[in-house]
């Protein structure tokens, strides 16, 4: 599978490395162009590309970018129709600005609306970036990654990818209903737990 990872920071590096390690064709891109990420690409096993080219080639696009960069990424491709998008972004007002505050439906529902026709799956935004390179932590064999999606088929594809790279996915619900749990400050945000503990946290929230 061709997977585009947009963003070459800690989260992008971690995702690119994990996906490449299990045999996927990973295209890594950032806002500054492929010439600036050759070292990271070599380190992770990814191929550096322009943002638009990476998106257009991929079946799955992982957003590992600051929330404020969403508009530029959206404009990089002529069509997002049916594209599965793994949304690992988080809105932080101090960084992204009050004018980009998500609507009441939640940040990932806004991402899906911005990337018209896309099938967004919220994932990887709740766990520390360091875990992407080491899924086993503190005696937990498979750390749980909560996910949310409006499209069941897209959630199944992303859930399988999560399992491939050594984690276990826990479906929280649809994008809007899951936002209070997965967005910064939510009961699942920042938690490094197994699936049983994650489900208990969500049930008690």
N, C-alpha and C. Protein backbone atom coordinates (compact mmCIF):
# COMPACT_ATOMS: atom_id res chain seq x y z
N UNK A 1 0.84 -1.20 0.00
CA UNK A 1 0.00 0.00 0.00
C UNK A 1 0.88 1.25 0.00
N UNK A 2 0.49 2.23 -0.79
CA UNK A 2 1.20 3.50 -0.77
C UNK A 2 0.58 4.39 0.30
N UNK A 3 1.41 4.82 1.24
CA UNK A 3 0.96 5.68 2.33
C UNK A 3 1.75 6.98 2.29
N UNK A 4 1.05 8.09 2.24
CA UNK A 4 1.70 9.39 2.32
C UNK A 4 1.70 9.86 3.76
N UNK A 5 2.84 10.26 4.25
CA UNK A 5 2.96 10.86 5.57
C UNK A 5 3.31 12.33 5.36
N UNK A 6 2.41 13.21 5.74
CA UNK A 6 2.63 14.63 5.54
C UNK A 6 3.06 15.23 6.87
N UNK A 7 4.31 15.68 6.90
CA UNK A 7 4.91 16.18 8.13
C UNK A 7 6.09 15.31 8.51
N UNK A 8 7.23 15.96 8.76
CA UNK A 8 8.46 15.21 9.05
C UNK A 8 8.98 15.49 10.45
N UNK A 9 8.08 15.90 11.35
CA UNK A 9 8.45 16.06 12.74
C UNK A 9 8.44 14.71 13.45
N UNK A 10 8.34 14.72 14.78
CA UNK A 10 8.43 13.48 15.53
C UNK A 10 7.33 12.49 15.18
N UNK A 11 6.11 12.97 15.05
CA UNK A 11 5.00 12.07 14.71
C UNK A 11 5.16 11.54 13.28
N UNK A 12 5.49 12.42 12.34
CA UNK A 12 5.67 12.00 10.97
C UNK A 12 6.80 10.99 10.82
N UNK A 13 7.90 11.25 11.50
CA UNK A 13 9.03 10.31 11.44
C UNK A 13 8.62 8.96 11.99
N UNK A 14 7.93 8.98 13.12
CA UNK A 14 7.52 7.73 13.74
C UNK A 14 6.59 6.93 12.86
N UNK A 15 5.58 7.59 12.29
CA UNK A 15 4.64 6.89 11.42
C UNK A 15 5.33 6.36 10.17
N UNK A 16 6.15 7.19 9.55
CA UNK A 16 6.85 6.76 8.34
C UNK A 16 7.72 5.54 8.62
N UNK A 17 8.43 5.58 9.72
CA UNK A 17 9.31 4.47 10.07
C UNK A 17 8.54 3.19 10.33
N UNK A 18 7.44 3.28 11.09
CA UNK A 18 6.66 2.09 11.41
C UNK A 18 5.99 1.51 10.16
N UNK A 19 5.39 2.36 9.34
CA UNK A 19 4.71 1.85 8.15
C UNK A 19 5.72 1.23 7.17
N UNK A 20 6.87 1.88 7.01
CA UNK A 20 7.89 1.33 6.10
C UNK A 20 8.44 0.01 6.63
N UNK A 21 8.53 -0.13 7.94
CA UNK A 21 9.12 -1.33 8.54
C UNK A 21 8.29 -2.58 8.29
N UNK A 22 6.99 -2.40 7.99
CA UNK A 22 6.14 -3.57 7.71
C UNK A 22 5.84 -3.70 6.21
N UNK A 23 6.63 -3.00 5.39
CA UNK A 23 6.59 -3.23 3.96
C UNK A 23 5.77 -2.29 3.11
N UNK A 24 5.22 -1.23 3.70
CA UNK A 24 4.44 -0.29 2.90
C UNK A 24 5.36 0.68 2.16
N UNK A 25 4.87 1.16 1.04
CA UNK A 25 5.58 2.15 0.23
C UNK A 25 5.21 3.53 0.79
N UNK A 26 6.11 4.11 1.56
CA UNK A 26 5.82 5.34 2.28
C UNK A 26 6.42 6.53 1.54
N UNK A 27 5.59 7.54 1.29
CA UNK A 27 6.02 8.78 0.68
C UNK A 27 5.98 9.87 1.76
N UNK A 28 7.11 10.48 2.05
CA UNK A 28 7.21 11.48 3.11
C UNK A 28 7.31 12.87 2.49
N UNK A 29 6.52 13.80 3.02
CA UNK A 29 6.51 15.15 2.45
C UNK A 29 6.35 16.18 3.56
N UNK A 30 6.86 17.38 3.30
CA UNK A 30 6.64 18.49 4.23
C UNK A 30 6.53 19.79 3.44
N UNK A 31 6.26 20.86 4.14
CA UNK A 31 5.99 22.13 3.47
C UNK A 31 7.23 22.73 2.82
N UNK A 32 8.40 22.30 3.22
CA UNK A 32 9.64 22.89 2.70
C UNK A 32 10.21 22.17 1.50
N UNK A 33 9.61 21.06 1.12
CA UNK A 33 10.05 20.36 -0.08
C UNK A 33 10.93 19.16 0.21
N UNK A 34 10.99 18.22 -0.74
CA UNK A 34 11.71 16.96 -0.53
C UNK A 34 13.21 17.11 -0.30
N UNK A 35 13.80 18.17 -0.82
CA UNK A 35 15.24 18.34 -0.63
C UNK A 35 15.62 18.56 0.83
N UNK A 36 14.65 18.94 1.65
CA UNK A 36 14.94 19.22 3.07
C UNK A 36 14.77 18.00 3.96
N UNK A 37 14.29 16.89 3.41
CA UNK A 37 14.00 15.73 4.26
C UNK A 37 14.67 14.44 3.80
N UNK A 38 15.73 14.56 3.01
CA UNK A 38 16.41 13.36 2.54
C UNK A 38 16.96 12.54 3.71
N UNK A 39 17.52 13.20 4.70
CA UNK A 39 18.09 12.48 5.84
C UNK A 39 17.01 11.73 6.61
N UNK A 40 15.88 12.39 6.83
CA UNK A 40 14.77 11.75 7.54
C UNK A 40 14.21 10.60 6.72
N UNK A 41 14.09 10.80 5.42
CA UNK A 41 13.58 9.74 4.55
C UNK A 41 14.49 8.51 4.60
N UNK A 42 15.79 8.74 4.53
CA UNK A 42 16.73 7.62 4.60
C UNK A 42 16.64 6.91 5.93
N UNK A 43 16.47 7.66 6.98
CA UNK A 43 16.38 7.10 8.34
C UNK A 43 15.13 6.24 8.49
N UNK A 44 14.04 6.64 7.87
CA UNK A 44 12.76 5.95 8.06
C UNK A 44 12.45 4.92 7.00
N UNK A 45 13.16 4.97 5.88
CA UNK A 45 12.85 4.07 4.78
C UNK A 45 11.79 4.59 3.85
N UNK A 46 11.48 5.88 3.95
CA UNK A 46 10.46 6.50 3.11
C UNK A 46 11.10 7.16 1.88
N UNK A 47 10.25 7.51 0.92
CA UNK A 47 10.68 8.24 -0.26
C UNK A 47 10.25 9.69 -0.13
N UNK A 48 11.18 10.67 -0.24
CA UNK A 48 10.77 12.06 -0.13
C UNK A 48 10.06 12.54 -1.39
N UNK A 49 8.97 13.28 -1.21
CA UNK A 49 8.21 13.79 -2.35
C UNK A 49 7.62 15.15 -2.01
N UNK A 50 7.15 15.84 -3.05
CA UNK A 50 6.35 17.03 -2.84
C UNK A 50 5.02 16.62 -2.21
N UNK A 51 4.41 17.54 -1.46
CA UNK A 51 3.18 17.22 -0.76
C UNK A 51 2.09 16.74 -1.72
N UNK A 52 1.83 17.50 -2.78
CA UNK A 52 0.77 17.13 -3.71
C UNK A 52 1.00 15.79 -4.36
N UNK A 53 2.21 15.52 -4.78
CA UNK A 53 2.53 14.25 -5.43
C UNK A 53 2.35 13.09 -4.48
N UNK A 54 2.76 13.28 -3.24
CA UNK A 54 2.62 12.21 -2.24
C UNK A 54 1.15 11.90 -1.99
N UNK A 55 0.34 12.94 -1.84
CA UNK A 55 -1.09 12.74 -1.59
C UNK A 55 -1.75 12.04 -2.76
N UNK A 56 -1.46 12.49 -3.96
CA UNK A 56 -2.12 11.96 -5.14
C UNK A 56 -1.77 10.49 -5.38
N UNK A 57 -0.57 10.08 -4.99
CA UNK A 57 -0.14 8.70 -5.23
C UNK A 57 -0.69 7.72 -4.20
N UNK A 58 -1.10 8.23 -3.04
CA UNK A 58 -1.37 7.37 -1.89
C UNK A 58 -2.81 6.90 -1.79
N UNK A 59 -2.98 5.72 -1.20
CA UNK A 59 -4.30 5.23 -0.81
C UNK A 59 -4.69 5.78 0.55
N UNK A 60 -3.68 5.96 1.40
CA UNK A 60 -3.89 6.47 2.76
C UNK A 60 -2.95 7.65 2.97
N UNK A 61 -3.48 8.74 3.51
CA UNK A 61 -2.68 9.93 3.81
C UNK A 61 -2.70 10.16 5.31
N UNK A 62 -1.52 10.23 5.93
CA UNK A 62 -1.43 10.50 7.35
C UNK A 62 -1.03 11.95 7.55
N UNK A 63 -1.85 12.68 8.29
CA UNK A 63 -1.57 14.08 8.58
C UNK A 63 -0.84 14.19 9.91
N UNK A 64 0.45 14.48 9.83
CA UNK A 64 1.28 14.66 11.03
C UNK A 64 1.81 16.09 11.01
N UNK A 65 0.88 17.03 10.96
CA UNK A 65 1.19 18.45 10.77
C UNK A 65 0.58 19.27 11.89
N UNK A 66 1.07 20.50 12.09
CA UNK A 66 0.36 21.41 12.99
C UNK A 66 -1.02 21.69 12.42
N UNK A 67 -1.99 21.89 13.28
CA UNK A 67 -3.36 22.11 12.82
C UNK A 67 -3.46 23.32 11.89
N UNK A 68 -2.64 24.34 12.14
CA UNK A 68 -2.73 25.55 11.31
C UNK A 68 -2.30 25.31 9.87
N UNK A 69 -1.61 24.20 9.60
CA UNK A 69 -1.13 23.92 8.24
C UNK A 69 -2.16 23.19 7.40
N UNK A 70 -3.32 22.90 7.96
CA UNK A 70 -4.32 22.11 7.24
C UNK A 70 -4.73 22.74 5.91
N UNK A 71 -4.95 24.05 5.90
CA UNK A 71 -5.39 24.71 4.68
C UNK A 71 -4.41 24.54 3.54
N UNK A 72 -3.13 24.67 3.82
CA UNK A 72 -2.11 24.52 2.78
C UNK A 72 -2.06 23.08 2.26
N UNK A 73 -2.20 22.12 3.17
CA UNK A 73 -2.20 20.72 2.74
C UNK A 73 -3.44 20.42 1.90
N UNK A 74 -4.58 20.96 2.31
CA UNK A 74 -5.82 20.74 1.56
C UNK A 74 -5.67 21.23 0.12
N UNK A 75 -5.01 22.36 -0.06
CA UNK A 75 -4.87 22.96 -1.39
C UNK A 75 -3.83 22.25 -2.25
N UNK A 76 -3.04 21.37 -1.66
CA UNK A 76 -1.95 20.71 -2.40
C UNK A 76 -2.44 19.64 -3.34
N UNK A 77 -3.68 19.15 -3.14
CA UNK A 77 -4.21 18.12 -4.02
C UNK A 77 -5.50 18.60 -4.66
N UNK A 78 -5.69 18.24 -5.92
CA UNK A 78 -6.89 18.66 -6.64
C UNK A 78 -8.13 17.91 -6.17
N UNK A 79 -7.93 16.71 -5.64
CA UNK A 79 -9.09 15.91 -5.21
C UNK A 79 -8.74 15.04 -4.01
N UNK A 80 -9.62 15.10 -2.99
CA UNK A 80 -9.51 14.25 -1.82
C UNK A 80 -10.60 13.18 -1.82
N UNK A 81 -11.35 13.08 -2.89
CA UNK A 81 -12.50 12.18 -2.93
C UNK A 81 -12.10 10.73 -2.65
N UNK A 82 -12.74 10.15 -1.63
CA UNK A 82 -12.55 8.75 -1.21
C UNK A 82 -11.19 8.47 -0.57
N UNK A 83 -10.34 9.49 -0.45
CA UNK A 83 -9.03 9.28 0.16
C UNK A 83 -9.20 9.01 1.65
N UNK A 84 -8.55 7.96 2.15
CA UNK A 84 -8.54 7.70 3.60
C UNK A 84 -7.47 8.59 4.22
N UNK A 85 -7.88 9.37 5.20
CA UNK A 85 -6.98 10.32 5.86
C UNK A 85 -6.86 9.97 7.34
N UNK A 86 -5.66 9.67 7.77
CA UNK A 86 -5.38 9.44 9.19
C UNK A 86 -5.04 10.78 9.81
N UNK A 87 -5.93 11.27 10.65
CA UNK A 87 -5.77 12.60 11.22
C UNK A 87 -5.12 12.51 12.60
N UNK A 88 -3.83 12.82 12.65
CA UNK A 88 -3.10 12.83 13.91
C UNK A 88 -2.91 14.26 14.44
N UNK A 89 -3.67 15.21 13.88
CA UNK A 89 -3.49 16.61 14.28
C UNK A 89 -4.20 16.89 15.61
N UNK A 90 -3.75 17.94 16.27
CA UNK A 90 -4.40 18.47 17.47
C UNK A 90 -4.43 19.99 17.37
N UNK A 91 -5.54 20.56 17.79
CA UNK A 91 -5.64 22.02 17.84
C UNK A 91 -5.17 22.52 19.19
N UNK A 92 -4.20 23.45 19.16
CA UNK A 92 -3.74 24.15 20.36
C UNK A 92 -3.83 25.64 20.07
N UNK A 93 -4.67 26.32 20.79
CA UNK A 93 -4.92 27.73 20.49
C UNK A 93 -3.66 28.57 20.57
N UNK A 94 -2.77 28.26 21.52
CA UNK A 94 -1.55 29.05 21.68
C UNK A 94 -0.64 28.96 20.46
N UNK A 95 -0.74 27.87 19.73
CA UNK A 95 0.07 27.68 18.52
C UNK A 95 -0.70 28.01 17.25
N UNK A 96 -1.95 27.58 17.20
CA UNK A 96 -2.71 27.64 15.95
C UNK A 96 -3.55 28.90 15.80
N UNK A 97 -3.83 29.58 16.91
CA UNK A 97 -4.60 30.82 16.84
C UNK A 97 -6.09 30.60 17.07
N UNK A 98 -6.70 31.52 17.77
CA UNK A 98 -8.11 31.40 18.12
C UNK A 98 -9.01 31.35 16.90
N UNK A 99 -8.57 31.95 15.81
CA UNK A 99 -9.41 31.99 14.60
C UNK A 99 -9.58 30.61 13.98
N UNK A 100 -8.73 29.65 14.34
CA UNK A 100 -8.84 28.30 13.81
C UNK A 100 -9.50 27.34 14.81
N UNK A 101 -10.05 27.89 15.88
CA UNK A 101 -10.71 27.02 16.86
C UNK A 101 -11.76 26.14 16.16
N UNK A 102 -11.74 24.83 16.42
CA UNK A 102 -12.70 23.95 15.78
C UNK A 102 -14.15 24.30 16.14
N UNK A 103 -15.05 23.94 15.26
CA UNK A 103 -16.47 24.12 15.52
C UNK A 103 -16.93 23.10 16.56
N UNK A 104 -18.18 23.18 16.93
CA UNK A 104 -18.73 22.29 17.95
C UNK A 104 -18.69 20.82 17.53
N UNK A 105 -18.56 20.56 16.24
CA UNK A 105 -18.53 19.17 15.79
C UNK A 105 -17.17 18.51 16.02
N UNK A 106 -16.13 19.31 16.35
CA UNK A 106 -14.82 18.75 16.65
C UNK A 106 -13.83 18.93 15.52
N UNK A 107 -12.55 18.87 15.87
CA UNK A 107 -11.50 19.19 14.91
C UNK A 107 -11.45 18.23 13.73
N UNK A 108 -11.62 16.93 13.97
CA UNK A 108 -11.49 15.98 12.86
C UNK A 108 -12.68 16.04 11.91
N UNK A 109 -13.87 16.35 12.43
CA UNK A 109 -15.00 16.57 11.53
C UNK A 109 -14.75 17.79 10.66
N UNK A 110 -14.09 18.81 11.23
CA UNK A 110 -13.71 19.98 10.45
C UNK A 110 -12.66 19.62 9.41
N UNK A 111 -11.71 18.76 9.77
CA UNK A 111 -10.71 18.30 8.82
C UNK A 111 -11.40 17.59 7.65
N UNK A 112 -12.35 16.73 7.96
CA UNK A 112 -13.05 15.99 6.90
C UNK A 112 -13.81 16.94 5.98
N UNK A 113 -14.41 17.98 6.56
CA UNK A 113 -15.12 18.96 5.74
C UNK A 113 -14.16 19.76 4.87
N UNK A 114 -12.99 20.07 5.40
CA UNK A 114 -11.99 20.84 4.65
C UNK A 114 -11.43 20.01 3.50
N UNK A 115 -11.20 18.72 3.75
CA UNK A 115 -10.69 17.82 2.71
C UNK A 115 -11.90 17.16 2.05
N UNK A 116 -12.59 17.92 1.22
CA UNK A 116 -13.89 17.52 0.70
C UNK A 116 -13.85 16.14 0.03
N UNK A 117 -14.74 15.26 0.48
CA UNK A 117 -14.83 13.92 -0.09
C UNK A 117 -13.95 12.90 0.59
N UNK A 118 -13.10 13.34 1.53
CA UNK A 118 -12.20 12.41 2.20
C UNK A 118 -12.93 11.58 3.24
N UNK A 119 -12.26 10.52 3.67
CA UNK A 119 -12.78 9.65 4.73
C UNK A 119 -11.78 9.70 5.89
N UNK A 120 -12.05 10.54 6.85
CA UNK A 120 -11.09 10.81 7.92
C UNK A 120 -11.24 9.80 9.05
N UNK A 121 -10.10 9.34 9.53
CA UNK A 121 -10.03 8.50 10.73
C UNK A 121 -9.12 9.20 11.72
N UNK A 122 -9.64 9.59 12.85
CA UNK A 122 -8.82 10.20 13.90
C UNK A 122 -8.00 9.10 14.56
N UNK A 123 -6.69 9.25 14.59
CA UNK A 123 -5.82 8.23 15.18
C UNK A 123 -4.44 8.81 15.43
N UNK A 124 -3.75 8.27 16.39
CA UNK A 124 -2.36 8.61 16.72
C UNK A 124 -2.19 10.01 17.31
N UNK A 125 -3.27 10.72 17.57
CA UNK A 125 -3.11 12.06 18.14
C UNK A 125 -3.05 12.04 19.66
N UNK A 126 -3.39 10.92 20.28
CA UNK A 126 -3.50 10.89 21.75
C UNK A 126 -2.25 10.36 22.44
N UNK A 127 -1.42 9.61 21.72
CA UNK A 127 -0.27 8.98 22.37
C UNK A 127 1.01 9.78 22.12
N UNK A 128 1.98 9.73 23.05
CA UNK A 128 3.25 10.44 22.83
C UNK A 128 3.95 9.94 21.58
N UNK A 129 4.60 10.84 20.87
CA UNK A 129 5.25 10.48 19.61
C UNK A 129 6.31 9.40 19.79
N UNK A 130 6.95 9.37 20.94
CA UNK A 130 8.01 8.38 21.17
C UNK A 130 7.49 6.95 21.06
N UNK A 131 6.19 6.75 21.34
CA UNK A 131 5.62 5.40 21.29
C UNK A 131 5.54 4.87 19.87
N UNK A 132 5.56 5.75 18.89
CA UNK A 132 5.47 5.29 17.52
C UNK A 132 6.68 4.46 17.12
N UNK A 133 7.78 4.67 17.81
CA UNK A 133 8.98 3.88 17.53
C UNK A 133 9.13 2.70 18.48
N UNK A 134 8.30 2.64 19.52
CA UNK A 134 8.37 1.54 20.48
C UNK A 134 6.99 1.26 21.04
N UNK A 135 6.20 0.42 20.36
CA UNK A 135 4.81 0.19 20.77
C UNK A 135 4.65 -0.47 22.13
N UNK A 136 5.69 -1.17 22.62
CA UNK A 136 5.60 -1.81 23.93
C UNK A 136 6.16 -0.87 24.98
N UNK A 137 5.35 -0.52 25.98
CA UNK A 137 5.77 0.43 27.00
C UNK A 137 5.26 0.00 28.37
N UNK A 138 6.13 0.14 29.39
CA UNK A 138 5.74 -0.07 30.78
C UNK A 138 5.03 -1.41 30.99
N UNK A 139 5.53 -2.44 30.32
CA UNK A 139 4.95 -3.76 30.48
C UNK A 139 3.69 -3.99 29.67
N UNK A 140 3.24 -3.00 28.91
CA UNK A 140 2.06 -3.15 28.07
C UNK A 140 2.50 -3.71 26.73
N UNK A 141 2.03 -4.90 26.41
CA UNK A 141 2.49 -5.55 25.19
C UNK A 141 2.03 -4.81 23.94
N UNK A 142 0.77 -4.36 23.93
CA UNK A 142 0.25 -3.64 22.78
C UNK A 142 -0.53 -2.42 23.28
N UNK A 143 0.07 -1.27 23.14
CA UNK A 143 -0.56 -0.02 23.56
C UNK A 143 -1.78 0.24 22.69
N UNK A 144 -2.86 0.71 23.32
CA UNK A 144 -4.11 0.97 22.60
C UNK A 144 -4.06 2.33 21.92
N UNK A 145 -4.52 2.37 20.68
CA UNK A 145 -4.66 3.61 19.92
C UNK A 145 -6.15 3.84 19.66
N UNK A 146 -6.77 4.81 20.32
CA UNK A 146 -8.18 5.07 20.06
C UNK A 146 -8.37 5.69 18.69
N UNK A 147 -9.43 5.28 18.01
CA UNK A 147 -9.72 5.82 16.68
C UNK A 147 -11.20 6.21 16.60
N UNK A 148 -11.49 7.14 15.73
CA UNK A 148 -12.87 7.56 15.47
C UNK A 148 -13.01 7.80 13.98
N UNK A 149 -14.19 7.49 13.45
CA UNK A 149 -14.44 7.67 12.01
C UNK A 149 -15.93 7.65 11.74
N UNK A 150 -16.32 8.33 10.69
CA UNK A 150 -17.70 8.25 10.21
C UNK A 150 -17.87 7.13 9.19
N UNK A 151 -16.76 6.70 8.60
CA UNK A 151 -16.79 5.68 7.55
C UNK A 151 -16.22 4.37 8.12
N UNK A 152 -17.05 3.34 8.18
CA UNK A 152 -16.64 2.07 8.79
C UNK A 152 -15.53 1.39 8.00
N UNK A 153 -15.59 1.45 6.67
CA UNK A 153 -14.55 0.80 5.87
C UNK A 153 -13.20 1.47 6.08
N UNK A 154 -13.18 2.79 6.16
CA UNK A 154 -11.93 3.51 6.41
C UNK A 154 -11.39 3.16 7.79
N UNK A 155 -12.27 3.06 8.78
CA UNK A 155 -11.84 2.70 10.13
C UNK A 155 -11.23 1.30 10.14
N UNK A 156 -11.79 0.39 9.36
CA UNK A 156 -11.26 -0.97 9.29
C UNK A 156 -9.86 -0.99 8.68
N UNK A 157 -9.65 -0.20 7.62
CA UNK A 157 -8.34 -0.14 6.99
C UNK A 157 -7.30 0.41 7.97
N UNK A 158 -7.64 1.50 8.65
CA UNK A 158 -6.69 2.11 9.58
C UNK A 158 -6.48 1.20 10.79
N UNK A 159 -7.53 0.56 11.25
CA UNK A 159 -7.37 -0.39 12.36
C UNK A 159 -6.40 -1.51 12.02
N UNK A 160 -6.46 -1.99 10.79
CA UNK A 160 -5.54 -3.04 10.35
C UNK A 160 -4.10 -2.52 10.30
N UNK A 161 -3.93 -1.29 9.84
CA UNK A 161 -2.58 -0.69 9.83
C UNK A 161 -2.04 -0.56 11.24
N UNK A 162 -2.88 -0.14 12.16
CA UNK A 162 -2.47 0.01 13.56
C UNK A 162 -2.01 -1.32 14.12
N UNK A 163 -2.75 -2.38 13.81
CA UNK A 163 -2.37 -3.71 14.27
C UNK A 163 -1.05 -4.16 13.65
N UNK A 164 -0.87 -3.88 12.38
CA UNK A 164 0.36 -4.25 11.66
C UNK A 164 1.60 -3.70 12.33
N UNK A 165 1.51 -2.47 12.85
CA UNK A 165 2.71 -1.83 13.39
C UNK A 165 2.83 -2.01 14.90
N UNK A 166 2.05 -2.93 15.47
CA UNK A 166 2.30 -3.35 16.84
C UNK A 166 1.41 -2.77 17.91
N UNK A 167 0.39 -2.01 17.51
CA UNK A 167 -0.56 -1.46 18.48
C UNK A 167 -1.89 -2.19 18.35
N UNK A 168 -2.86 -1.79 19.14
CA UNK A 168 -4.21 -2.31 19.00
C UNK A 168 -5.17 -1.12 18.94
N UNK A 169 -6.09 -1.14 17.98
CA UNK A 169 -7.02 -0.02 17.84
C UNK A 169 -8.27 -0.25 18.68
N UNK A 170 -8.81 0.84 19.20
CA UNK A 170 -10.08 0.80 19.93
C UNK A 170 -10.99 1.85 19.31
N UNK A 171 -12.07 1.39 18.71
CA UNK A 171 -13.01 2.32 18.06
C UNK A 171 -13.81 3.06 19.14
N UNK A 172 -13.75 4.37 19.10
CA UNK A 172 -14.42 5.20 20.09
C UNK A 172 -15.80 5.63 19.61
N UNK A 173 -15.95 5.83 18.32
CA UNK A 173 -17.23 6.27 17.78
C UNK A 173 -17.01 7.08 16.53
N UNK A 174 -17.95 7.94 16.23
CA UNK A 174 -17.84 8.82 15.07
C UNK A 174 -17.03 10.05 15.43
N UNK A 175 -16.65 10.82 14.42
CA UNK A 175 -15.73 11.93 14.63
C UNK A 175 -16.26 12.93 15.65
N UNK A 176 -17.51 13.31 15.53
CA UNK A 176 -18.05 14.33 16.43
C UNK A 176 -18.26 13.81 17.83
N UNK A 177 -18.83 12.61 17.96
CA UNK A 177 -19.10 12.08 19.30
C UNK A 177 -17.82 11.72 20.04
N UNK A 178 -16.76 11.39 19.29
CA UNK A 178 -15.50 11.00 19.93
C UNK A 178 -14.62 12.19 20.29
N UNK A 179 -14.88 13.35 19.70
CA UNK A 179 -14.01 14.51 19.91
C UNK A 179 -13.77 14.84 21.38
N UNK A 180 -14.78 14.82 22.26
CA UNK A 180 -14.53 15.16 23.66
C UNK A 180 -13.57 14.19 24.36
N UNK A 181 -13.46 12.98 23.84
CA UNK A 181 -12.57 11.99 24.44
C UNK A 181 -11.15 12.06 23.87
N UNK A 182 -11.04 12.34 22.57
CA UNK A 182 -9.75 12.24 21.88
C UNK A 182 -9.01 13.56 21.74
N UNK A 183 -9.72 14.67 21.75
CA UNK A 183 -9.05 15.96 21.62
C UNK A 183 -8.28 16.30 22.89
N UNK A 184 -7.30 17.22 22.83
CA UNK A 184 -6.54 17.59 24.02
C UNK A 184 -7.46 17.91 25.21
N UNK A 185 -7.12 17.30 26.35
CA UNK A 185 -7.94 17.46 27.55
C UNK A 185 -8.96 16.37 27.73
N UNK A 186 -9.18 15.54 26.71
CA UNK A 186 -10.15 14.46 26.79
C UNK A 186 -9.63 13.29 27.62
N UNK A 187 -10.53 12.39 27.97
CA UNK A 187 -10.18 11.29 28.87
C UNK A 187 -9.17 10.31 28.28
N UNK A 188 -9.08 10.24 26.94
CA UNK A 188 -8.14 9.33 26.30
C UNK A 188 -6.84 10.01 25.90
N UNK A 189 -6.81 11.33 26.00
CA UNK A 189 -5.64 12.06 25.49
C UNK A 189 -4.44 11.87 26.42
N UNK A 190 -3.31 11.46 25.82
CA UNK A 190 -2.08 11.28 26.57
C UNK A 190 -1.98 9.99 27.35
N UNK A 191 -2.97 9.13 27.24
CA UNK A 191 -2.98 7.89 28.01
C UNK A 191 -2.20 6.79 27.30
N UNK A 192 -1.33 6.14 28.04
CA UNK A 192 -0.56 5.01 27.53
C UNK A 192 -1.06 3.78 28.28
N UNK A 193 -2.03 3.10 27.68
CA UNK A 193 -2.72 1.99 28.35
C UNK A 193 -3.03 0.90 27.33
N UNK A 194 -3.43 -0.26 27.84
CA UNK A 194 -3.87 -1.32 26.93
C UNK A 194 -5.35 -1.13 26.59
N UNK A 195 -5.87 -1.99 25.75
CA UNK A 195 -7.23 -1.82 25.26
C UNK A 195 -8.26 -1.92 26.38
N UNK A 196 -8.05 -2.85 27.32
CA UNK A 196 -9.00 -3.01 28.42
C UNK A 196 -9.07 -1.76 29.27
N UNK A 197 -7.93 -1.20 29.60
CA UNK A 197 -7.90 0.00 30.43
C UNK A 197 -8.47 1.20 29.67
N UNK A 198 -8.18 1.29 28.37
CA UNK A 198 -8.72 2.39 27.59
C UNK A 198 -10.25 2.35 27.55
N UNK A 199 -10.80 1.17 27.34
CA UNK A 199 -12.26 1.05 27.31
C UNK A 199 -12.85 1.44 28.67
N UNK A 200 -12.17 1.08 29.75
CA UNK A 200 -12.65 1.44 31.08
C UNK A 200 -12.62 2.96 31.29
N UNK A 201 -11.57 3.60 30.80
CA UNK A 201 -11.46 5.06 30.91
C UNK A 201 -12.58 5.74 30.13
N UNK A 202 -12.85 5.24 28.96
CA UNK A 202 -13.89 5.83 28.13
C UNK A 202 -15.28 5.62 28.75
N UNK A 203 -15.48 4.45 29.34
CA UNK A 203 -16.78 4.15 29.94
C UNK A 203 -17.05 4.99 31.17
N UNK A 204 -15.99 5.37 31.88
CA UNK A 204 -16.16 6.13 33.11
C UNK A 204 -16.15 7.64 32.89
N UNK A 205 -15.87 8.07 31.66
CA UNK A 205 -15.76 9.52 31.37
C UNK A 205 -17.14 10.18 31.38
